[in-house]
Amino acid sequence: MPRWTKAASESDAIFGFVAGILVMGSLFIWLLTDTIWIVPLTLFVMGIITAFDTLFPYGRQLFAISWTGGIIAGCFAVLFANAYGFLYWIATVAAIAFLLHILVKLVKRASK
C-alpha cells in the first residue's frame, strides 16, 4: 500500500508512476517520433534514476507493491496518452516532477 502518512513527493507509488511514464515515454518517443536522440535518452536516464532511488532507498524500507503498482499505472498512462496525442505533455510533466523531486532532496541536504 502507498504510504499515506508521507507527503506525496515521497510516496513510492507516485514515483513508480513517474518512473513508468519516463521510461515508457522515452521508448515511445524514440520509436514513434522524429525527435532528436538526446530527448528520449534523457527521459530514460531520468526514469532509471527515479526507479533506482525508489528501489534502493537509503535508510528506509521499500514498499515494492506500491512502486510496482505505480510503474504499471505509469506504463498504461503512456499508452493512453500516446493514443490521444498527449505523449509529450505527460513526459514533460513527469520530467518536471523528477526535477522537483531532485531539487527537494538537494535543498533538504543543504539545510541540514
PDB file of N, CA and C in Angstrom:
ATOM      1  N   MET A   1       0.834  -1.181   0.000  1.00  0.00           N
ATOM      2  CA  MET A   1       0.000   0.000   0.000  1.00  0.00           C
ATOM      3  C   MET A   1       0.878   1.243   0.000  1.00  0.00           C
ATOM      4  N   PRO A   2       0.399   2.300  -0.616  1.00  0.00           N
ATOM      5  CA  PRO A   2       1.156   3.542  -0.563  1.00  0.00           C
ATOM      6  C   PRO A   2       1.268   4.057   0.861  1.00  0.00           C
ATOM      7  N   ARG A   3       2.309   4.802   1.108  1.00  0.00           N
ATOM      8  CA  ARG A   3       2.480   5.400   2.435  1.00  0.00           C
ATOM      9  C   ARG A   3       1.640   6.664   2.505  1.00  0.00           C
ATOM     10  N   TRP A   4       0.464   6.549   3.057  1.00  0.00           N
ATOM     11  CA  TRP A   4      -0.460   7.682   3.094  1.00  0.00           C
ATOM     12  C   TRP A   4      -0.027   8.739   4.100  1.00  0.00           C
ATOM     13  N   THR A   5       0.819   8.380   5.052  1.00  0.00           N
ATOM     14  CA  THR A   5       1.235   9.345   6.073  1.00  0.00           C
ATOM     15  C   THR A   5       2.337  10.261   5.576  1.00  0.00           C
ATOM     16  N   LYS A   6       2.980   9.942   4.479  1.00  0.00           N
ATOM     17  CA  LYS A   6       4.057  10.775   3.956  1.00  0.00           C
ATOM     18  C   LYS A   6       3.511  11.752   2.926  1.00  0.00           C
ATOM     19  N   ALA A   7       4.321  12.765   2.641  1.00  0.00           N
ATOM     20  CA  ALA A   7       3.961  13.700   1.575  1.00  0.00           C
ATOM     21  C   ALA A   7       3.952  12.971   0.244  1.00  0.00           C
ATOM     22  N   ALA A   8       3.170  13.458  -0.702  1.00  0.00           N
ATOM     23  CA  ALA A   8       3.052  12.793  -1.999  1.00  0.00           C
ATOM     24  C   ALA A   8       4.385  12.723  -2.725  1.00  0.00           C
ATOM     25  N   SER A   9       5.278  13.673  -2.473  1.00  0.00           N
ATOM     26  CA  SER A   9       6.559  13.666  -3.173  1.00  0.00           C
ATOM     27  C   SER A   9       7.464  12.545  -2.687  1.00  0.00           C
ATOM     28  N   GLU A  10       7.140  11.919  -1.565  1.00  0.00           N
ATOM     29  CA  GLU A  10       7.960  10.832  -1.047  1.00  0.00           C
ATOM     30  C   GLU A  10       7.269   9.479  -1.144  1.00  0.00           C
ATOM     31  N   SER A  11       6.153   9.409  -1.812  1.00  0.00           N
ATOM     32  CA  SER A  11       5.408   8.164  -1.927  1.00  0.00           C
ATOM     33  C   SER A  11       6.006   7.279  -3.006  1.00  0.00           C
ATOM     34  N   ASP A  12       6.191   6.004  -2.681  1.00  0.00           N
ATOM     35  CA  ASP A  12       6.734   5.058  -3.643  1.00  0.00           C
ATOM     36  C   ASP A  12       5.808   4.889  -4.842  1.00  0.00           C
ATOM     37  N   ALA A  13       4.505   4.900  -4.612  1.00  0.00           N
ATOM     38  CA  ALA A  13       3.557   4.721  -5.710  1.00  0.00           C
ATOM     39  C   ALA A  13       3.635   5.882  -6.694  1.00  0.00           C
ATOM     40  N   ILE A  14       3.758   7.089  -6.193  1.00  0.00           N
ATOM     41  CA  ILE A  14       3.828   8.257  -7.068  1.00  0.00           C
ATOM     42  C   ILE A  14       5.090   8.204  -7.921  1.00  0.00           C
ATOM     43  N   PHE A  15       6.224   7.862  -7.306  1.00  0.00           N
ATOM     44  CA  PHE A  15       7.447   7.864  -8.086  1.00  0.00           C
ATOM     45  C   PHE A  15       7.632   6.600  -8.904  1.00  0.00           C
ATOM     46  N   GLY A  16       6.919   5.542  -8.599  1.00  0.00           N
ATOM     47  CA  GLY A  16       6.829   4.423  -9.527  1.00  0.00           C
ATOM     48  C   GLY A  16       6.064   4.847 -10.773  1.00  0.00           C
ATOM     49  N   PHE A  17       5.008   5.625 -10.563  1.00  0.00           N
ATOM     50  CA  PHE A  17       4.208   6.166 -11.659  1.00  0.00           C
ATOM     51  C   PHE A  17       5.066   7.072 -12.550  1.00  0.00           C
ATOM     52  N   VAL A  18       5.834   7.958 -11.932  1.00  0.00           N
ATOM     53  CA  VAL A  18       6.707   8.871 -12.688  1.00  0.00           C
ATOM     54  C   VAL A  18       7.780   8.077 -13.443  1.00  0.00           C
ATOM     55  N   ALA A  19       8.378   7.076 -12.792  1.00  0.00           N
ATOM     56  CA  ALA A  19       9.398   6.259 -13.453  1.00  0.00           C
ATOM     57  C   ALA A  19       8.812   5.515 -14.648  1.00  0.00           C
ATOM     58  N   GLY A  20       7.611   4.985 -14.490  1.00  0.00           N
ATOM     59  CA  GLY A  20       6.953   4.293 -15.605  1.00  0.00           C
ATOM     60  C   GLY A  20       6.695   5.223 -16.775  1.00  0.00           C
ATOM     61  N   ILE A  21       6.245   6.428 -16.485  1.00  0.00           N
ATOM     62  CA  ILE A  21       5.998   7.399 -17.549  1.00  0.00           C
ATOM     63  C   ILE A  21       7.303   7.766 -18.248  1.00  0.00           C
ATOM     64  N   LEU A  22       8.348   8.015 -17.474  1.00  0.00           N
ATOM     65  CA  LEU A  22       9.610   8.423 -18.080  1.00  0.00           C
ATOM     66  C   LEU A  22      10.238   7.318 -18.925  1.00  0.00           C
ATOM     67  N   VAL A  23      10.248   6.103 -18.413  1.00  0.00           N
ATOM     68  CA  VAL A  23      10.885   5.006 -19.153  1.00  0.00           C
ATOM     69  C   VAL A  23      10.056   4.623 -20.380  1.00  0.00           C
ATOM     70  N   MET A  24       8.775   4.392 -20.202  1.00  0.00           N
ATOM     71  CA  MET A  24       7.931   4.013 -21.345  1.00  0.00           C
ATOM     72  C   MET A  24       7.765   5.179 -22.305  1.00  0.00           C
ATOM     73  N   GLY A  25       7.661   6.393 -21.776  1.00  0.00           N
ATOM     74  CA  GLY A  25       7.551   7.565 -22.642  1.00  0.00           C
ATOM     75  C   GLY A  25       8.784   7.737 -23.505  1.00  0.00           C
ATOM     76  N   SER A  26       9.958   7.502 -22.925  1.00  0.00           N
ATOM     77  CA  SER A  26      11.183   7.622 -23.717  1.00  0.00           C
ATOM     78  C   SER A  26      11.215   6.576 -24.831  1.00  0.00           C
ATOM     79  N   LEU A  27      10.749   5.374 -24.519  1.00  0.00           N
ATOM     80  CA  LEU A  27      10.696   4.327 -25.540  1.00  0.00           C
ATOM     81  C   LEU A  27       9.746   4.710 -26.674  1.00  0.00           C
ATOM     82  N   PHE A  28       8.568   5.201 -26.327  1.00  0.00           N
ATOM     83  CA  PHE A  28       7.594   5.589 -27.341  1.00  0.00           C
ATOM     84  C   PHE A  28       8.091   6.780 -28.160  1.00  0.00           C
ATOM     85  N   ILE A  29       8.707   7.758 -27.498  1.00  0.00           N
ATOM     86  CA  ILE A  29       9.220   8.917 -28.221  1.00  0.00           C
ATOM     87  C   ILE A  29      10.347   8.491 -29.168  1.00  0.00           C
ATOM     88  N   TRP A  30      11.188   7.593 -28.717  1.00  0.00           N
ATOM     89  CA  TRP A  30      12.297   7.121 -29.551  1.00  0.00           C
ATOM     90  C   TRP A  30      11.788   6.350 -30.767  1.00  0.00           C
ATOM     91  N   LEU A  31      10.784   5.469 -30.547  1.00  0.00           N
ATOM     92  CA  LEU A  31      10.312   4.614 -31.627  1.00  0.00           C
ATOM     93  C   LEU A  31       9.303   5.276 -32.562  1.00  0.00           C
ATOM     94  N   LEU A  32       8.483   6.189 -32.044  1.00  0.00           N
ATOM     95  CA  LEU A  32       7.351   6.673 -32.826  1.00  0.00           C
ATOM     96  C   LEU A  32       7.456   8.100 -33.326  1.00  0.00           C
ATOM     97  N   THR A  33       8.475   8.844 -32.911  1.00  0.00           N
ATOM     98  CA  THR A  33       8.558  10.241 -33.334  1.00  0.00           C
ATOM     99  C   THR A  33       9.910  10.529 -33.986  1.00  0.00           C
ATOM    100  N   ASP A  34      10.019  11.716 -34.547  1.00  0.00           N
ATOM    101  CA  ASP A  34      11.257  12.139 -35.195  1.00  0.00           C
ATOM    102  C   ASP A  34      12.081  13.064 -34.306  1.00  0.00           C
ATOM    103  N   THR A  35      11.946  12.919 -33.017  1.00  0.00           N
ATOM    104  CA  THR A  35      12.676  13.756 -32.072  1.00  0.00           C
ATOM    105  C   THR A  35      14.154  13.363 -32.071  1.00  0.00           C
ATOM    106  N   ILE A  36      15.026  14.348 -31.818  1.00  0.00           N
ATOM    107  CA  ILE A  36      16.453  14.036 -31.778  1.00  0.00           C
ATOM    108  C   ILE A  36      16.723  13.039 -30.647  1.00  0.00           C
ATOM    109  N   TRP A  37      17.749  12.254 -30.776  1.00  0.00           N
ATOM    110  CA  TRP A  37      18.006  11.112 -29.896  1.00  0.00           C
ATOM    111  C   TRP A  37      18.279  11.499 -28.453  1.00  0.00           C
ATOM    112  N   ILE A  38      18.718  12.713 -28.185  1.00  0.00           N
ATOM    113  CA  ILE A  38      19.070  13.095 -26.813  1.00  0.00           C
ATOM    114  C   ILE A  38      17.830  13.225 -25.915  1.00  0.00           C
ATOM    115  N   VAL A  39      16.685  13.552 -26.490  1.00  0.00           N
ATOM    116  CA  VAL A  39      15.457  13.722 -25.687  1.00  0.00           C
ATOM    117  C   VAL A  39      15.004  12.395 -25.078  1.00  0.00           C
ATOM    118  N   PRO A  40      14.806  11.326 -25.867  1.00  0.00           N
ATOM    119  CA  PRO A  40      14.410  10.068 -25.224  1.00  0.00           C
ATOM    120  C   PRO A  40      15.492   9.500 -24.309  1.00  0.00           C
ATOM    121  N   LEU A  41      16.755   9.714 -24.658  1.00  0.00           N
ATOM    122  CA  LEU A  41      17.831   9.235 -23.794  1.00  0.00           C
ATOM    123  C   LEU A  41      17.798   9.939 -22.441  1.00  0.00           C
ATOM    124  N   THR A  42      17.571  11.239 -22.439  1.00  0.00           N
ATOM    125  CA  THR A  42      17.474  11.996 -21.188  1.00  0.00           C
ATOM    126  C   THR A  42      16.280  11.543 -20.356  1.00  0.00           C
ATOM    127  N   LEU A  43      15.125  11.348 -20.999  1.00  0.00           N
ATOM    128  CA  LEU A  43      13.948  10.860 -20.274  1.00  0.00           C
ATOM    129  C   LEU A  43      14.193   9.472 -19.696  1.00  0.00           C
ATOM    130  N   PHE A  44      14.865   8.605 -20.452  1.00  0.00           N
ATOM    131  CA  PHE A  44      15.160   7.258 -19.968  1.00  0.00           C
ATOM    132  C   PHE A  44      16.077   7.302 -18.747  1.00  0.00           C
ATOM    133  N   VAL A  45      17.116   8.133 -18.796  1.00  0.00           N
ATOM    134  CA  VAL A  45      18.034   8.257 -17.657  1.00  0.00           C
ATOM    135  C   VAL A  45      17.297   8.803 -16.441  1.00  0.00           C
ATOM    136  N   MET A  46      16.423   9.787 -16.634  1.00  0.00           N
ATOM    137  CA  MET A  46      15.620  10.307 -15.518  1.00  0.00           C
ATOM    138  C   MET A  46      14.754   9.203 -14.910  1.00  0.00           C
ATOM    139  N   GLY A  47      14.133   8.389 -15.753  1.00  0.00           N
ATOM    140  CA  GLY A  47      13.300   7.288 -15.265  1.00  0.00           C
ATOM    141  C   GLY A  47      14.092   6.249 -14.495  1.00  0.00           C
ATOM    142  N   ILE A  48      15.283   5.924 -14.979  1.00  0.00           N
ATOM    143  CA  ILE A  48      16.127   4.944 -14.289  1.00  0.00           C
ATOM    144  C   ILE A  48      16.609   5.497 -12.950  1.00  0.00           C
ATOM    145  N   ILE A  49      16.974   6.768 -12.912  1.00  0.00           N
ATOM    146  CA  ILE A  49      17.382   7.381 -11.636  1.00  0.00           C
ATOM    147  C   ILE A  49      16.234   7.357 -10.643  1.00  0.00           C
ATOM    148  N   THR A  50      15.034   7.687 -11.102  1.00  0.00           N
ATOM    149  CA  THR A  50      13.863   7.647 -10.221  1.00  0.00           C
ATOM    150  C   THR A  50      13.591   6.228  -9.744  1.00  0.00           C
ATOM    151  N   ALA A  51      13.706   5.262 -10.637  1.00  0.00           N
ATOM    152  CA  ALA A  51      13.466   3.860 -10.254  1.00  0.00           C
ATOM    153  C   ALA A  51      14.491   3.394  -9.228  1.00  0.00           C
ATOM    154  N   PHE A  52      15.769   3.670  -9.469  1.00  0.00           N
ATOM    155  CA  PHE A  52      16.802   3.238  -8.522  1.00  0.00           C
ATOM    156  C   PHE A  52      16.692   3.964  -7.198  1.00  0.00           C
ATOM    157  N   ASP A  53      16.287   5.227  -7.230  1.00  0.00           N
ATOM    158  CA  ASP A  53      16.123   5.981  -5.989  1.00  0.00           C
ATOM    159  C   ASP A  53      15.007   5.385  -5.138  1.00  0.00           C
ATOM    160  N   THR A  54      13.982   4.864  -5.794  1.00  0.00           N
ATOM    161  CA  THR A  54      12.868   4.264  -5.066  1.00  0.00           C
ATOM    162  C   THR A  54      13.167   2.817  -4.689  1.00  0.00           C
ATOM    163  N   LEU A  55      13.813   2.074  -5.582  1.00  0.00           N
ATOM    164  CA  LEU A  55      14.078   0.660  -5.324  1.00  0.00           C
ATOM    165  C   LEU A  55      15.190   0.428  -4.307  1.00  0.00           C
ATOM    166  N   PHE A  56      16.163   1.306  -4.262  1.00  0.00           N
ATOM    167  CA  PHE A  56      17.274   1.159  -3.331  1.00  0.00           C
ATOM    168  C   PHE A  56      17.361   2.382  -2.416  1.00  0.00           C
ATOM    169  N   PRO A  57      16.375   2.515  -1.524  1.00  0.00           N
ATOM    170  CA  PRO A  57      16.344   3.710  -0.673  1.00  0.00           C
ATOM    171  C   PRO A  57      17.463   3.688   0.360  1.00  0.00           C
ATOM    172  N   TYR A  58      17.839   4.856   0.788  1.00  0.00           N
ATOM    173  CA  TYR A  58      18.874   4.987   1.810  1.00  0.00           C
ATOM    174  C   TYR A  58      18.201   5.235   3.154  1.00  0.00           C
ATOM    175  N   GLY A  59      18.288   4.277   4.038  1.00  0.00           N
ATOM    176  CA  GLY A  59      17.782   4.452   5.398  1.00  0.00           C
ATOM    177  C   GLY A  59      16.292   4.281   5.586  1.00  0.00           C
ATOM    178  N   ARG A  60      15.589   3.669   4.627  1.00  0.00           N
ATOM    179  CA  ARG A  60      14.164   3.411   4.840  1.00  0.00           C
ATOM    180  C   ARG A  60      13.763   2.140   4.115  1.00  0.00           C
ATOM    181  N   GLN A  61      12.636   1.591   4.517  1.00  0.00           N
ATOM    182  CA  GLN A  61      12.179   0.334   3.949  1.00  0.00           C
ATOM    183  C   GLN A  61      11.460   0.569   2.631  1.00  0.00           C
ATOM    184  N   LEU A  62      11.640  -0.326   1.706  1.00  0.00           N
ATOM    185  CA  LEU A  62      10.988  -0.251   0.403  1.00  0.00           C
ATOM    186  C   LEU A  62       9.588  -0.851   0.474  1.00  0.00           C
ATOM    187  N   PHE A  63       8.647  -0.191  -0.139  1.00  0.00           N
ATOM    188  CA  PHE A  63       7.306  -0.724  -0.298  1.00  0.00           C
ATOM    189  C   PHE A  63       7.157  -1.115  -1.766  1.00  0.00           C
ATOM    190  N   ALA A  64       7.633  -2.317  -2.109  1.00  0.00           N
ATOM    191  CA  ALA A  64       7.715  -2.749  -3.509  1.00  0.00           C
ATOM    192  C   ALA A  64       6.350  -2.847  -4.167  1.00  0.00           C
ATOM    193  N   ILE A  65       5.330  -3.201  -3.421  1.00  0.00           N
ATOM    194  CA  ILE A  65       3.999  -3.326  -4.014  1.00  0.00           C
ATOM    195  C   ILE A  65       3.518  -1.962  -4.490  1.00  0.00           C
ATOM    196  N   SER A  66       3.728  -0.924  -3.690  1.00  0.00           N
ATOM    197  CA  SER A  66       3.333   0.425  -4.094  1.00  0.00           C
ATOM    198  C   SER A  66       4.068   0.841  -5.350  1.00  0.00           C
ATOM    199  N   TRP A  67       5.375   0.592  -5.391  1.00  0.00           N
ATOM    200  CA  TRP A  67       6.182   1.013  -6.523  1.00  0.00           C
ATOM    201  C   TRP A  67       5.784   0.261  -7.781  1.00  0.00           C
ATOM    202  N   THR A  68       5.557  -1.044  -7.670  1.00  0.00           N
ATOM    203  CA  THR A  68       5.171  -1.848  -8.826  1.00  0.00           C
ATOM    204  C   THR A  68       3.824  -1.406  -9.375  1.00  0.00           C
ATOM    205  N   GLY A  69       2.883  -1.161  -8.502  1.00  0.00           N
ATOM    206  CA  GLY A  69       1.582  -0.656  -8.952  1.00  0.00           C
ATOM    207  C   GLY A  69       1.707   0.701  -9.628  1.00  0.00           C
ATOM    208  N   GLY A  70       2.563   1.543  -9.093  1.00  0.00           N
ATOM    209  CA  GLY A  70       2.779   2.858  -9.690  1.00  0.00           C
ATOM    210  C   GLY A  70       3.406   2.773 -11.066  1.00  0.00           C
ATOM    211  N   ILE A  71       4.388   1.899 -11.232  1.00  0.00           N
ATOM    212  CA  ILE A  71       5.047   1.797 -12.542  1.00  0.00           C
ATOM    213  C   ILE A  71       4.114   1.188 -13.587  1.00  0.00           C
ATOM    214  N   ILE A  72       3.282   0.249 -13.187  1.00  0.00           N
ATOM    215  CA  ILE A  72       2.306  -0.321 -14.120  1.00  0.00           C
ATOM    216  C   ILE A  72       1.295   0.745 -14.540  1.00  0.00           C
ATOM    217  N   ALA A  73       0.833   1.535 -13.585  1.00  0.00           N
ATOM    218  CA  ALA A  73      -0.093   2.623 -13.916  1.00  0.00           C
ATOM    219  C   ALA A  73       0.578   3.654 -14.821  1.00  0.00           C
ATOM    220  N   GLY A  74       1.862   3.930 -14.590  1.00  0.00           N
ATOM    221  CA  GLY A  74       2.587   4.867 -15.444  1.00  0.00           C
ATOM    222  C   GLY A  74       2.712   4.360 -16.874  1.00  0.00           C
ATOM    223  N   CYS A  75       2.949   3.062 -17.028  1.00  0.00           N
ATOM    224  CA  CYS A  75       3.037   2.484 -18.377  1.00  0.00           C
ATOM    225  C   CYS A  75       1.697   2.580 -19.103  1.00  0.00           C
ATOM    226  N   PHE A  76       0.613   2.301 -18.402  1.00  0.00           N
ATOM    227  CA  PHE A  76      -0.709   2.435 -19.015  1.00  0.00           C
ATOM    228  C   PHE A  76      -1.022   3.895 -19.333  1.00  0.00           C
ATOM    229  N   ALA A  77      -0.585   4.813 -18.479  1.00  0.00           N
ATOM    230  CA  ALA A  77      -0.799   6.239 -18.747  1.00  0.00           C
ATOM    231  C   ALA A  77      -0.098   6.653 -20.034  1.00  0.00           C
ATOM    232  N   VAL A  78       1.106   6.126 -20.268  1.00  0.00           N
ATOM    233  CA  VAL A  78       1.825   6.433 -21.510  1.00  0.00           C
ATOM    234  C   VAL A  78       1.084   5.861 -22.720  1.00  0.00           C
ATOM    235  N   LEU A  79       0.576   4.651 -22.594  1.00  0.00           N
ATOM    236  CA  LEU A  79      -0.175   4.054 -23.703  1.00  0.00           C
ATOM    237  C   LEU A  79      -1.391   4.897 -24.072  1.00  0.00           C
ATOM    238  N   PHE A  80      -2.164   5.306 -23.069  1.00  0.00           N
ATOM    239  CA  PHE A  80      -3.350   6.117 -23.329  1.00  0.00           C
ATOM    240  C   PHE A  80      -2.977   7.522 -23.804  1.00  0.00           C
ATOM    241  N   ALA A  81      -1.927   8.102 -23.227  1.00  0.00           N
ATOM    242  CA  ALA A  81      -1.502   9.434 -23.654  1.00  0.00           C
ATOM    243  C   ALA A  81      -1.036   9.406 -25.105  1.00  0.00           C
ATOM    244  N   ASN A  82      -0.334   8.356 -25.498  1.00  0.00           N
ATOM    245  CA  ASN A  82       0.105   8.243 -26.886  1.00  0.00           C
ATOM    246  C   ASN A  82      -1.094   8.069 -27.815  1.00  0.00           C
ATOM    247  N   ALA A  83      -2.071   7.305 -27.396  1.00  0.00           N
ATOM    248  CA  ALA A  83      -3.248   7.068 -28.233  1.00  0.00           C
ATOM    249  C   ALA A  83      -4.026   8.358 -28.491  1.00  0.00           C
ATOM    250  N   TYR A  84      -4.038   9.268 -27.516  1.00  0.00           N
ATOM    251  CA  TYR A  84      -4.791  10.503 -27.659  1.00  0.00           C
ATOM    252  C   TYR A  84      -3.917  11.713 -27.985  1.00  0.00           C
ATOM    253  N   GLY A  85      -2.635  11.499 -28.254  1.00  0.00           N
ATOM    254  CA  GLY A  85      -1.769  12.585 -28.686  1.00  0.00           C
ATOM    255  C   GLY A  85      -1.176  13.439 -27.581  1.00  0.00           C
ATOM    256  N   PHE A  86      -1.135  12.937 -26.354  1.00  0.00           N
ATOM    257  CA  PHE A  86      -0.600  13.707 -25.237  1.00  0.00           C
ATOM    258  C   PHE A  86       0.711  13.143 -24.699  1.00  0.00           C
ATOM    259  N   LEU A  87       1.454  12.419 -25.537  1.00  0.00           N
ATOM    260  CA  LEU A  87       2.688  11.785 -25.086  1.00  0.00           C
ATOM    261  C   LEU A  87       3.717  12.803 -24.619  1.00  0.00           C
ATOM    262  N   TYR A  88       3.909  13.872 -25.387  1.00  0.00           N
ATOM    263  CA  TYR A  88       4.884  14.895 -24.991  1.00  0.00           C
ATOM    264  C   TYR A  88       4.466  15.596 -23.700  1.00  0.00           C
ATOM    265  N   TRP A  89       3.175  15.819 -23.535  1.00  0.00           N
ATOM    266  CA  TRP A  89       2.695  16.511 -22.333  1.00  0.00           C
ATOM    267  C   TRP A  89       2.951  15.687 -21.077  1.00  0.00           C
ATOM    268  N   ILE A  90       2.604  14.411 -21.138  1.00  0.00           N
ATOM    269  CA  ILE A  90       2.777  13.572 -19.949  1.00  0.00           C
ATOM    270  C   ILE A  90       4.260  13.345 -19.654  1.00  0.00           C
ATOM    271  N   ALA A  91       5.089  13.234 -20.692  1.00  0.00           N
ATOM    272  CA  ALA A  91       6.525  13.085 -20.475  1.00  0.00           C
ATOM    273  C   ALA A  91       7.120  14.355 -19.877  1.00  0.00           C
ATOM    274  N   THR A  92       6.639  15.510 -20.306  1.00  0.00           N
ATOM    275  CA  THR A  92       7.117  16.777 -19.754  1.00  0.00           C
ATOM    276  C   THR A  92       6.735  16.924 -18.292  1.00  0.00           C
ATOM    277  N   VAL A  93       5.522  16.580 -17.947  1.00  0.00           N
ATOM    278  CA  VAL A  93       5.082  16.665 -16.551  1.00  0.00           C
ATOM    279  C   VAL A  93       5.891  15.709 -15.673  1.00  0.00           C
ATOM    280  N   ALA A  94       6.152  14.505 -16.165  1.00  0.00           N
ATOM    281  CA  ALA A  94       6.954  13.548 -15.396  1.00  0.00           C
ATOM    282  C   ALA A  94       8.389  14.041 -15.232  1.00  0.00           C
ATOM    283  N   ALA A  95       8.945  14.653 -16.273  1.00  0.00           N
ATOM    284  CA  ALA A  95      10.306  15.200 -16.168  1.00  0.00           C
ATOM    285  C   ALA A  95      10.358  16.341 -15.165  1.00  0.00           C
ATOM    286  N   ILE A  96       9.342  17.176 -15.142  1.00  0.00           N
ATOM    287  CA  ILE A  96       9.286  18.267 -14.157  1.00  0.00           C
ATOM    288  C   ILE A  96       9.150  17.702 -12.750  1.00  0.00           C
ATOM    289  N   ALA A  97       8.334  16.662 -12.580  1.00  0.00           N
ATOM    290  CA  ALA A  97       8.206  16.024 -11.259  1.00  0.00           C
ATOM    291  C   ALA A  97       9.540  15.446 -10.806  1.00  0.00           C
ATOM    292  N   PHE A  98      10.289  14.848 -11.732  1.00  0.00           N
ATOM    293  CA  PHE A  98      11.614  14.327 -11.405  1.00  0.00           C
ATOM    294  C   PHE A  98      12.537  15.453 -10.960  1.00  0.00           C
ATOM    295  N   LEU A  99      12.568  16.531 -11.713  1.00  0.00           N
ATOM    296  CA  LEU A  99      13.448  17.654 -11.370  1.00  0.00           C
ATOM    297  C   LEU A  99      13.074  18.280 -10.027  1.00  0.00           C
ATOM    298  N   LEU A 100      11.787  18.413  -9.757  1.00  0.00           N
ATOM    299  CA  LEU A 100      11.355  18.953  -8.462  1.00  0.00           C
ATOM    300  C   LEU A 100      11.735  18.019  -7.321  1.00  0.00           C
ATOM    301  N   HIS A 101      11.627  16.724  -7.531  1.00  0.00           N
ATOM    302  CA  HIS A 101      11.997  15.743  -6.510  1.00  0.00           C
ATOM    303  C   HIS A 101      13.489  15.842  -6.176  1.00  0.00           C
ATOM    304  N   ILE A 102      14.319  15.943  -7.210  1.00  0.00           N
ATOM    305  CA  ILE A 102      15.760  16.079  -7.000  1.00  0.00           C
ATOM    306  C   ILE A 102      16.069  17.406  -6.308  1.00  0.00           C
ATOM    307  N   LEU A 103      15.380  18.470  -6.708  1.00  0.00           N
ATOM    308  CA  LEU A 103      15.597  19.778  -6.082  1.00  0.00           C
ATOM    309  C   LEU A 103      15.232  19.747  -4.602  1.00  0.00           C
ATOM    310  N   VAL A 104      14.131  19.093  -4.250  1.00  0.00           N
ATOM    311  CA  VAL A 104      13.731  18.975  -2.841  1.00  0.00           C
ATOM    312  C   VAL A 104      14.791  18.210  -2.058  1.00  0.00           C
ATOM    313  N   LYS A 105      15.321  17.130  -2.642  1.00  0.00           N
ATOM    314  CA  LYS A 105      16.374  16.368  -1.957  1.00  0.00           C
ATOM    315  C   LYS A 105      17.614  17.218  -1.730  1.00  0.00           C
ATOM    316  N   LEU A 106      17.999  18.013  -2.741  1.00  0.00           N
ATOM    317  CA  LEU A 106      19.190  18.864  -2.595  1.00  0.00           C
ATOM    318  C   LEU A 106      18.983  19.946  -1.558  1.00  0.00           C
ATOM    319  N   VAL A 107      17.810  20.532  -1.517  1.00  0.00           N
ATOM    320  CA  VAL A 107      17.519  21.585  -0.536  1.00  0.00           C
ATOM    321  C   VAL A 107      17.494  21.001   0.874  1.00  0.00           C
ATOM    322  N   LYS A 108      16.901  19.819   1.041  1.00  0.00           N
ATOM    323  CA  LYS A 108      16.890  19.171   2.362  1.00  0.00           C
ATOM    324  C   LYS A 108      18.307  18.849   2.814  1.00  0.00           C
ATOM    325  N   ARG A 109      19.137  18.369   1.899  1.00  0.00           N
ATOM    326  CA  ARG A 109      20.507  18.042   2.256  1.00  0.00           C
ATOM    327  C   ARG A 109      21.303  19.298   2.599  1.00  0.00           C
ATOM    328  N   ALA A 110      21.084  20.375   1.880  1.00  0.00           N
ATOM    329  CA  ALA A 110      21.812  21.624   2.127  1.00  0.00           C
ATOM    330  C   ALA A 110      21.357  22.296   3.408  1.00  0.00           C
ATOM    331  N   SER A 111      20.105  22.072   3.813  1.00  0.00           N
ATOM    332  CA  SER A 111      19.606  22.720   5.031  1.00  0.00           C
ATOM    333  C   SER A 111      20.021  22.010   6.297  1.00  0.00           C
ATOM    334  N   LYS A 112      20.585  20.814   6.204  1.00  0.00           N
ATOM    335  CA  LYS A 112      20.995  20.066   7.396  1.00  0.00           C
ATOM    336  C   LYS A 112      22.273  20.575   7.961  1.00  0.00           C
TER     337      LYS A 112
END
